[in-house]
N, C-alpha and C. Protein backbone atom coordinates (compact mmCIF):
# COMPACT_ATOMS: atom_id res chain seq x y z
N MET A 1 1.14 -14.74 -5.41
CA MET A 1 1.56 -14.45 -6.78
C MET A 1 2.49 -15.55 -7.25
N ASP A 2 2.27 -16.02 -8.44
CA ASP A 2 3.16 -16.98 -9.07
C ASP A 2 4.24 -16.21 -9.82
N TYR A 3 5.36 -16.89 -10.02
CA TYR A 3 6.49 -16.26 -10.70
C TYR A 3 6.88 -17.07 -11.92
N LYS A 4 7.53 -16.41 -12.85
CA LYS A 4 8.09 -17.08 -14.01
C LYS A 4 9.52 -16.59 -14.18
N SER A 5 10.32 -17.36 -14.88
CA SER A 5 11.70 -16.98 -15.13
C SER A 5 11.81 -16.30 -16.48
N ILE A 6 12.63 -15.26 -16.52
CA ILE A 6 12.95 -14.61 -17.79
C ILE A 6 14.46 -14.52 -17.89
N GLN A 7 14.93 -14.34 -19.09
CA GLN A 7 16.36 -14.20 -19.34
C GLN A 7 16.67 -12.71 -19.50
N THR A 8 17.53 -12.20 -18.64
CA THR A 8 18.00 -10.83 -18.78
C THR A 8 19.18 -10.85 -19.74
N LYS A 9 19.18 -9.97 -20.72
CA LYS A 9 20.21 -9.95 -21.75
C LYS A 9 21.56 -9.49 -21.20
N ALA A 10 22.60 -9.79 -21.95
CA ALA A 10 23.94 -9.34 -21.56
C ALA A 10 24.03 -7.81 -21.59
N GLN A 11 23.42 -7.20 -22.61
CA GLN A 11 23.37 -5.74 -22.65
C GLN A 11 22.18 -5.31 -21.80
N LYS A 12 22.46 -4.62 -20.71
CA LYS A 12 21.42 -4.22 -19.77
C LYS A 12 20.83 -2.86 -20.13
N SER A 13 19.60 -2.66 -19.71
CA SER A 13 18.97 -1.34 -19.74
C SER A 13 19.03 -0.83 -18.31
N ILE A 14 19.73 0.27 -18.13
CA ILE A 14 20.05 0.77 -16.79
C ILE A 14 19.42 2.14 -16.58
N ALA A 15 18.69 2.28 -15.48
CA ALA A 15 18.13 3.58 -15.11
C ALA A 15 19.07 4.24 -14.12
N LEU A 16 19.40 5.50 -14.38
CA LEU A 16 20.27 6.29 -13.51
C LEU A 16 19.47 7.44 -12.92
N VAL A 17 19.43 7.50 -11.60
CA VAL A 17 18.65 8.52 -10.90
C VAL A 17 19.49 9.02 -9.73
N ALA A 18 19.38 10.32 -9.43
CA ALA A 18 20.08 10.86 -8.27
C ALA A 18 19.35 12.09 -7.74
N HIS A 19 19.22 12.14 -6.44
CA HIS A 19 18.71 13.35 -5.80
C HIS A 19 19.75 14.46 -5.96
N ASP A 20 19.32 15.70 -5.79
CA ASP A 20 20.19 16.85 -6.05
C ASP A 20 21.55 16.76 -5.36
N ASN A 21 21.56 16.42 -4.08
CA ASN A 21 22.83 16.36 -3.33
C ASN A 21 23.70 15.17 -3.71
N MET A 22 23.17 14.28 -4.54
CA MET A 22 23.90 13.06 -4.92
C MET A 22 24.30 13.03 -6.39
N LYS A 23 23.92 14.05 -7.15
CA LYS A 23 24.21 14.06 -8.59
C LYS A 23 25.71 14.02 -8.87
N ALA A 24 26.49 14.79 -8.13
CA ALA A 24 27.94 14.80 -8.35
C ALA A 24 28.54 13.42 -8.09
N SER A 25 28.06 12.74 -7.06
CA SER A 25 28.56 11.39 -6.76
C SER A 25 28.22 10.42 -7.87
N LEU A 26 27.00 10.52 -8.42
CA LEU A 26 26.62 9.63 -9.52
C LEU A 26 27.45 9.92 -10.76
N ILE A 27 27.70 11.18 -11.04
CA ILE A 27 28.53 11.54 -12.20
C ILE A 27 29.94 11.00 -12.02
N ASP A 28 30.51 11.14 -10.82
CA ASP A 28 31.84 10.58 -10.54
C ASP A 28 31.83 9.07 -10.74
N TRP A 29 30.78 8.41 -10.26
CA TRP A 29 30.66 6.96 -10.41
C TRP A 29 30.60 6.59 -11.90
N CYS A 30 29.84 7.35 -12.67
CA CYS A 30 29.74 7.10 -14.12
C CYS A 30 31.10 7.25 -14.79
N HIS A 31 31.88 8.25 -14.38
CA HIS A 31 33.24 8.42 -14.92
C HIS A 31 34.08 7.18 -14.64
N THR A 32 33.97 6.66 -13.43
CA THR A 32 34.75 5.48 -13.04
C THR A 32 34.43 4.28 -13.91
N TYR A 33 33.16 4.12 -14.27
CA TYR A 33 32.71 2.94 -15.02
C TYR A 33 32.27 3.29 -16.45
N LEU A 34 32.84 4.34 -16.99
CA LEU A 34 32.47 4.84 -18.31
C LEU A 34 32.52 3.75 -19.38
N GLU A 35 33.61 3.01 -19.43
CA GLU A 35 33.78 1.97 -20.45
C GLU A 35 32.68 0.90 -20.34
N THR A 36 32.39 0.47 -19.14
CA THR A 36 31.34 -0.53 -18.93
C THR A 36 29.98 0.03 -19.29
N LEU A 37 29.66 1.23 -18.81
CA LEU A 37 28.36 1.82 -19.06
C LEU A 37 28.11 2.06 -20.55
N ASN A 38 29.16 2.32 -21.31
CA ASN A 38 29.02 2.53 -22.75
C ASN A 38 28.48 1.31 -23.47
N ASN A 39 28.58 0.14 -22.86
CA ASN A 39 28.12 -1.11 -23.47
C ASN A 39 26.64 -1.38 -23.21
N HIS A 40 25.97 -0.49 -22.50
CA HIS A 40 24.60 -0.73 -22.09
C HIS A 40 23.70 0.42 -22.50
N GLN A 41 22.40 0.19 -22.47
CA GLN A 41 21.42 1.24 -22.78
C GLN A 41 21.11 1.97 -21.47
N LEU A 42 21.23 3.28 -21.49
CA LEU A 42 21.07 4.08 -20.28
C LEU A 42 19.85 5.00 -20.38
N PHE A 43 19.11 5.05 -19.28
CA PHE A 43 17.97 5.95 -19.13
C PHE A 43 18.25 6.79 -17.90
N ALA A 44 17.76 8.01 -17.87
CA ALA A 44 17.93 8.84 -16.68
C ALA A 44 16.83 9.88 -16.60
N THR A 45 16.53 10.26 -15.38
CA THR A 45 15.57 11.33 -15.17
C THR A 45 16.22 12.67 -15.51
N GLY A 46 15.37 13.63 -15.87
CA GLY A 46 15.69 14.99 -16.29
C GLY A 46 17.08 15.54 -16.11
N THR A 47 17.25 16.28 -15.04
CA THR A 47 18.51 16.98 -14.80
C THR A 47 19.67 16.01 -14.66
N THR A 48 19.43 14.91 -13.98
CA THR A 48 20.49 13.91 -13.78
C THR A 48 21.01 13.43 -15.13
N GLY A 49 20.12 13.07 -16.02
CA GLY A 49 20.52 12.58 -17.34
C GLY A 49 21.27 13.63 -18.14
N ALA A 50 20.79 14.86 -18.11
CA ALA A 50 21.46 15.94 -18.85
C ALA A 50 22.87 16.17 -18.31
N LEU A 51 23.02 16.16 -17.00
CA LEU A 51 24.34 16.37 -16.40
C LEU A 51 25.29 15.21 -16.72
N ILE A 52 24.79 13.98 -16.61
CA ILE A 52 25.64 12.82 -16.91
C ILE A 52 26.08 12.86 -18.37
N ALA A 53 25.16 13.10 -19.28
CA ALA A 53 25.49 13.15 -20.71
C ALA A 53 26.52 14.24 -20.99
N LYS A 54 26.31 15.41 -20.43
CA LYS A 54 27.21 16.54 -20.68
C LYS A 54 28.60 16.29 -20.11
N GLN A 55 28.66 15.73 -18.91
CA GLN A 55 29.95 15.61 -18.23
C GLN A 55 30.70 14.31 -18.52
N THR A 56 30.01 13.32 -19.10
CA THR A 56 30.68 12.05 -19.37
C THR A 56 30.67 11.67 -20.85
N GLY A 57 29.75 12.25 -21.61
CA GLY A 57 29.61 11.88 -23.01
C GLY A 57 28.80 10.60 -23.23
N LEU A 58 28.27 10.03 -22.15
CA LEU A 58 27.46 8.83 -22.28
C LEU A 58 26.16 9.14 -23.02
N ASN A 59 25.69 8.17 -23.79
CA ASN A 59 24.43 8.32 -24.51
C ASN A 59 23.30 7.94 -23.55
N ILE A 60 22.47 8.91 -23.20
CA ILE A 60 21.40 8.73 -22.23
C ILE A 60 20.05 8.93 -22.92
N THR A 61 19.13 8.01 -22.69
CA THR A 61 17.74 8.23 -23.10
C THR A 61 17.10 9.07 -22.00
N PRO A 62 16.73 10.32 -22.32
CA PRO A 62 16.23 11.21 -21.27
C PRO A 62 14.74 10.99 -20.95
N LEU A 63 14.43 11.10 -19.69
CA LEU A 63 13.05 11.10 -19.21
C LEU A 63 12.82 12.46 -18.57
N ILE A 64 11.62 12.70 -18.06
CA ILE A 64 11.39 14.00 -17.43
C ILE A 64 11.96 14.00 -16.02
N SER A 65 12.00 15.15 -15.42
CA SER A 65 12.53 15.30 -14.07
C SER A 65 11.78 14.41 -13.09
N GLY A 66 12.52 13.87 -12.12
CA GLY A 66 11.92 12.98 -11.12
C GLY A 66 10.67 13.55 -10.45
N PRO A 67 10.75 14.76 -9.88
CA PRO A 67 9.57 15.32 -9.21
C PRO A 67 8.39 15.58 -10.14
N LEU A 68 8.66 15.67 -11.43
CA LEU A 68 7.58 15.93 -12.39
C LEU A 68 7.04 14.64 -13.01
N GLY A 69 7.54 13.49 -12.56
CA GLY A 69 7.03 12.21 -13.04
C GLY A 69 8.07 11.28 -13.61
N GLY A 70 9.32 11.69 -13.65
CA GLY A 70 10.38 10.84 -14.19
C GLY A 70 10.55 9.54 -13.41
N ASP A 71 10.40 9.60 -12.08
CA ASP A 71 10.47 8.38 -11.27
C ASP A 71 9.36 7.41 -11.68
N GLN A 72 8.19 7.97 -11.96
CA GLN A 72 7.06 7.15 -12.38
C GLN A 72 7.30 6.56 -13.78
N GLN A 73 7.96 7.33 -14.64
CA GLN A 73 8.29 6.81 -15.98
C GLN A 73 9.20 5.60 -15.85
N ILE A 74 10.20 5.71 -15.00
CA ILE A 74 11.11 4.57 -14.79
C ILE A 74 10.34 3.39 -14.21
N GLY A 75 9.47 3.66 -13.27
CA GLY A 75 8.65 2.59 -12.70
C GLY A 75 7.83 1.88 -13.77
N ALA A 76 7.26 2.64 -14.68
CA ALA A 76 6.49 2.03 -15.77
C ALA A 76 7.38 1.18 -16.66
N LEU A 77 8.58 1.66 -16.95
CA LEU A 77 9.52 0.89 -17.76
C LEU A 77 9.93 -0.41 -17.05
N ILE A 78 10.04 -0.35 -15.73
CA ILE A 78 10.36 -1.56 -14.97
C ILE A 78 9.24 -2.59 -15.13
N THR A 79 7.99 -2.15 -15.01
CA THR A 79 6.87 -3.09 -15.12
C THR A 79 6.75 -3.69 -16.52
N GLU A 80 7.25 -2.97 -17.51
CA GLU A 80 7.25 -3.46 -18.89
C GLU A 80 8.50 -4.28 -19.21
N GLN A 81 9.33 -4.51 -18.20
CA GLN A 81 10.62 -5.21 -18.34
C GLN A 81 11.56 -4.53 -19.33
N LYS A 82 11.53 -3.20 -19.34
CA LYS A 82 12.42 -2.43 -20.20
C LYS A 82 13.58 -1.83 -19.41
N ILE A 83 13.60 -2.05 -18.10
CA ILE A 83 14.72 -1.65 -17.25
C ILE A 83 15.19 -2.89 -16.51
N ASP A 84 16.49 -3.17 -16.58
CA ASP A 84 17.06 -4.34 -15.94
C ASP A 84 17.76 -4.03 -14.62
N VAL A 85 18.22 -2.79 -14.47
CA VAL A 85 19.02 -2.39 -13.31
C VAL A 85 18.64 -0.95 -12.95
N LEU A 86 18.53 -0.68 -11.66
CA LEU A 86 18.27 0.69 -11.19
C LEU A 86 19.44 1.14 -10.32
N ILE A 87 20.10 2.20 -10.75
CA ILE A 87 21.13 2.86 -9.96
C ILE A 87 20.51 4.16 -9.49
N PHE A 88 20.22 4.25 -8.20
CA PHE A 88 19.50 5.39 -7.65
C PHE A 88 20.27 5.91 -6.43
N PHE A 89 21.06 6.94 -6.64
CA PHE A 89 21.78 7.55 -5.53
C PHE A 89 20.83 8.53 -4.85
N TRP A 90 20.14 8.05 -3.81
CA TRP A 90 19.19 8.89 -3.10
C TRP A 90 19.84 9.46 -1.86
N ASP A 91 19.32 10.58 -1.45
CA ASP A 91 19.88 11.31 -0.32
C ASP A 91 19.10 10.96 0.94
N PRO A 92 19.68 10.15 1.83
CA PRO A 92 18.96 9.73 3.03
C PRO A 92 18.86 10.82 4.09
N LEU A 93 19.56 11.92 3.90
CA LEU A 93 19.57 12.98 4.91
C LEU A 93 18.72 14.19 4.54
N GLU A 94 18.10 14.15 3.39
CA GLU A 94 17.31 15.29 2.92
C GLU A 94 15.89 14.83 2.59
N ALA A 95 14.91 15.48 3.17
CA ALA A 95 13.51 15.17 2.84
C ALA A 95 13.25 15.57 1.39
N GLN A 96 12.53 14.73 0.67
CA GLN A 96 12.22 14.99 -0.73
C GLN A 96 10.73 15.24 -0.88
N PRO A 97 10.34 16.29 -1.60
CA PRO A 97 8.91 16.56 -1.77
C PRO A 97 8.19 15.46 -2.54
N HIS A 98 8.92 14.71 -3.35
CA HIS A 98 8.30 13.64 -4.13
C HIS A 98 8.64 12.27 -3.54
N ASP A 99 8.79 12.21 -2.22
CA ASP A 99 9.13 10.96 -1.53
C ASP A 99 8.17 9.81 -1.85
N PRO A 100 6.86 10.04 -1.95
CA PRO A 100 5.97 8.92 -2.32
C PRO A 100 6.32 8.32 -3.68
N ASP A 101 6.76 9.15 -4.63
CA ASP A 101 7.16 8.64 -5.94
C ASP A 101 8.41 7.77 -5.83
N VAL A 102 9.35 8.22 -4.99
CA VAL A 102 10.59 7.47 -4.78
C VAL A 102 10.28 6.11 -4.17
N LYS A 103 9.42 6.10 -3.16
CA LYS A 103 9.04 4.83 -2.52
C LYS A 103 8.33 3.91 -3.51
N ALA A 104 7.49 4.48 -4.36
CA ALA A 104 6.79 3.68 -5.37
C ALA A 104 7.79 3.07 -6.35
N LEU A 105 8.78 3.85 -6.74
CA LEU A 105 9.80 3.36 -7.67
C LEU A 105 10.58 2.20 -7.04
N LEU A 106 11.02 2.38 -5.81
CA LEU A 106 11.77 1.31 -5.14
C LEU A 106 10.90 0.07 -4.92
N ARG A 107 9.63 0.28 -4.65
CA ARG A 107 8.71 -0.84 -4.49
C ARG A 107 8.59 -1.63 -5.79
N LEU A 108 8.44 -0.94 -6.92
CA LEU A 108 8.33 -1.63 -8.20
C LEU A 108 9.61 -2.39 -8.54
N ALA A 109 10.74 -1.80 -8.22
CA ALA A 109 12.01 -2.51 -8.45
C ALA A 109 12.05 -3.81 -7.65
N ALA A 110 11.54 -3.78 -6.42
CA ALA A 110 11.50 -4.99 -5.60
C ALA A 110 10.48 -5.98 -6.14
N VAL A 111 9.29 -5.51 -6.51
CA VAL A 111 8.24 -6.40 -7.04
C VAL A 111 8.73 -7.11 -8.29
N TRP A 112 9.38 -6.39 -9.19
CA TRP A 112 9.81 -6.95 -10.47
C TRP A 112 11.22 -7.52 -10.40
N ASN A 113 11.79 -7.57 -9.20
CA ASN A 113 13.04 -8.30 -8.93
C ASN A 113 14.21 -7.82 -9.78
N ILE A 114 14.39 -6.49 -9.86
CA ILE A 114 15.56 -6.00 -10.57
C ILE A 114 16.60 -5.55 -9.55
N PRO A 115 17.88 -5.68 -9.90
CA PRO A 115 18.94 -5.23 -9.00
C PRO A 115 18.87 -3.72 -8.82
N VAL A 116 19.07 -3.28 -7.57
CA VAL A 116 19.03 -1.86 -7.23
C VAL A 116 20.27 -1.51 -6.42
N ALA A 117 20.90 -0.41 -6.79
CA ALA A 117 22.00 0.14 -6.00
C ALA A 117 21.58 1.53 -5.55
N CYS A 118 21.71 1.81 -4.25
CA CYS A 118 21.26 3.11 -3.74
C CYS A 118 22.41 3.98 -3.25
N ASN A 119 23.64 3.50 -3.41
CA ASN A 119 24.80 4.31 -3.04
C ASN A 119 26.01 3.80 -3.83
N MET A 120 27.14 4.49 -3.67
CA MET A 120 28.31 4.14 -4.46
C MET A 120 28.81 2.73 -4.17
N ALA A 121 28.81 2.31 -2.93
CA ALA A 121 29.31 0.98 -2.59
C ALA A 121 28.46 -0.12 -3.23
N SER A 122 27.14 0.00 -3.13
CA SER A 122 26.29 -1.03 -3.74
C SER A 122 26.37 -0.97 -5.27
N ALA A 123 26.52 0.22 -5.83
CA ALA A 123 26.66 0.35 -7.29
C ALA A 123 27.98 -0.27 -7.75
N ASP A 124 29.05 -0.09 -6.97
CA ASP A 124 30.34 -0.71 -7.31
C ASP A 124 30.21 -2.23 -7.32
N LEU A 125 29.59 -2.79 -6.29
CA LEU A 125 29.41 -4.24 -6.23
C LEU A 125 28.57 -4.75 -7.39
N LEU A 126 27.53 -4.02 -7.72
CA LEU A 126 26.63 -4.46 -8.79
C LEU A 126 27.35 -4.46 -10.13
N ILE A 127 28.00 -3.36 -10.47
CA ILE A 127 28.59 -3.24 -11.81
C ILE A 127 29.82 -4.13 -11.98
N THR A 128 30.45 -4.52 -10.89
CA THR A 128 31.62 -5.40 -10.98
C THR A 128 31.24 -6.88 -10.84
N SER A 129 29.96 -7.17 -10.65
CA SER A 129 29.50 -8.56 -10.59
C SER A 129 29.74 -9.25 -11.93
N ARG A 130 30.08 -10.52 -11.90
CA ARG A 130 30.27 -11.26 -13.15
C ARG A 130 28.97 -11.34 -13.95
N LEU A 131 27.82 -11.20 -13.30
CA LEU A 131 26.54 -11.26 -14.00
C LEU A 131 26.20 -9.97 -14.74
N PHE A 132 26.90 -8.89 -14.41
CA PHE A 132 26.56 -7.60 -15.01
C PHE A 132 26.75 -7.60 -16.52
N GLU A 133 27.75 -8.27 -17.01
CA GLU A 133 28.07 -8.25 -18.43
C GLU A 133 27.57 -9.49 -19.17
N GLN A 134 26.75 -10.31 -18.52
CA GLN A 134 26.25 -11.50 -19.20
C GLN A 134 24.75 -11.67 -18.96
N ALA A 135 24.16 -12.50 -19.79
CA ALA A 135 22.74 -12.83 -19.60
C ALA A 135 22.60 -13.64 -18.33
N PHE A 136 21.48 -13.45 -17.64
CA PHE A 136 21.20 -14.28 -16.47
C PHE A 136 19.69 -14.39 -16.30
N GLU A 137 19.31 -15.42 -15.56
CA GLU A 137 17.89 -15.69 -15.35
C GLU A 137 17.44 -15.03 -14.05
N ARG A 138 16.24 -14.44 -14.10
CA ARG A 138 15.65 -13.90 -12.88
C ARG A 138 14.16 -14.18 -12.88
N LYS A 139 13.59 -14.18 -11.72
CA LYS A 139 12.17 -14.46 -11.58
C LYS A 139 11.40 -13.14 -11.48
N ILE A 140 10.26 -13.11 -12.17
CA ILE A 140 9.37 -11.94 -12.13
C ILE A 140 7.94 -12.43 -11.89
N PRO A 141 7.07 -11.54 -11.43
CA PRO A 141 5.67 -11.95 -11.26
C PRO A 141 5.07 -12.42 -12.58
N ASP A 142 4.31 -13.48 -12.52
CA ASP A 142 3.63 -14.00 -13.70
C ASP A 142 2.28 -13.29 -13.80
N TYR A 143 2.31 -12.08 -14.31
CA TYR A 143 1.11 -11.27 -14.37
C TYR A 143 0.05 -11.89 -15.28
N HIS A 144 0.46 -12.42 -16.42
CA HIS A 144 -0.51 -13.02 -17.35
C HIS A 144 -1.16 -14.26 -16.72
N GLY A 145 -0.36 -15.06 -16.02
CA GLY A 145 -0.92 -16.22 -15.32
C GLY A 145 -1.87 -15.79 -14.22
N TYR A 146 -1.52 -14.72 -13.53
CA TYR A 146 -2.37 -14.17 -12.48
C TYR A 146 -3.72 -13.72 -13.04
N MET A 147 -3.67 -13.00 -14.16
CA MET A 147 -4.89 -12.51 -14.80
C MET A 147 -5.75 -13.66 -15.32
N ALA A 148 -5.10 -14.70 -15.84
CA ALA A 148 -5.86 -15.83 -16.36
C ALA A 148 -6.63 -16.53 -15.24
N LYS A 149 -6.06 -16.56 -14.05
CA LYS A 149 -6.73 -17.19 -12.90
C LYS A 149 -7.90 -16.33 -12.41
N ARG A 150 -7.83 -15.03 -12.65
CA ARG A 150 -8.86 -14.09 -12.16
C ARG A 150 -10.10 -14.08 -13.04
N THR A 151 -9.96 -14.53 -14.29
CA THR A 151 -11.11 -14.46 -15.21
C THR A 151 -11.81 -15.79 -15.32
């Protein structure tokens, strides 16, 4: 696969996802970074988004619940370059019935080279990075170039 460079904007589109046992941790994290998060466009899966919006006042673009396809919605937004960052507090100690969806989402984040945080420590490092509040260049698959070679 060939790659091309794109410019990620200073205002990021951020997906917020959390498994049930991790929702409180994500909400606490959002409280900690409320001022920073207010400067960005936020998306979240079902219950997680509703809880974050209610408890923090953040403006969240809601998607459907993760197990009902919300993880897949975020994955689709990633492939369309409409998500720049994925904050996904997943529970490594609890089996999830929609685990294949979760793996697919993480795979797409890796394929499309977006930053991913899967716990509070990695989310702290990501949001405090100097690149978080500014435009930066990243490489993504050159899908159009790939398709042109196939025809």
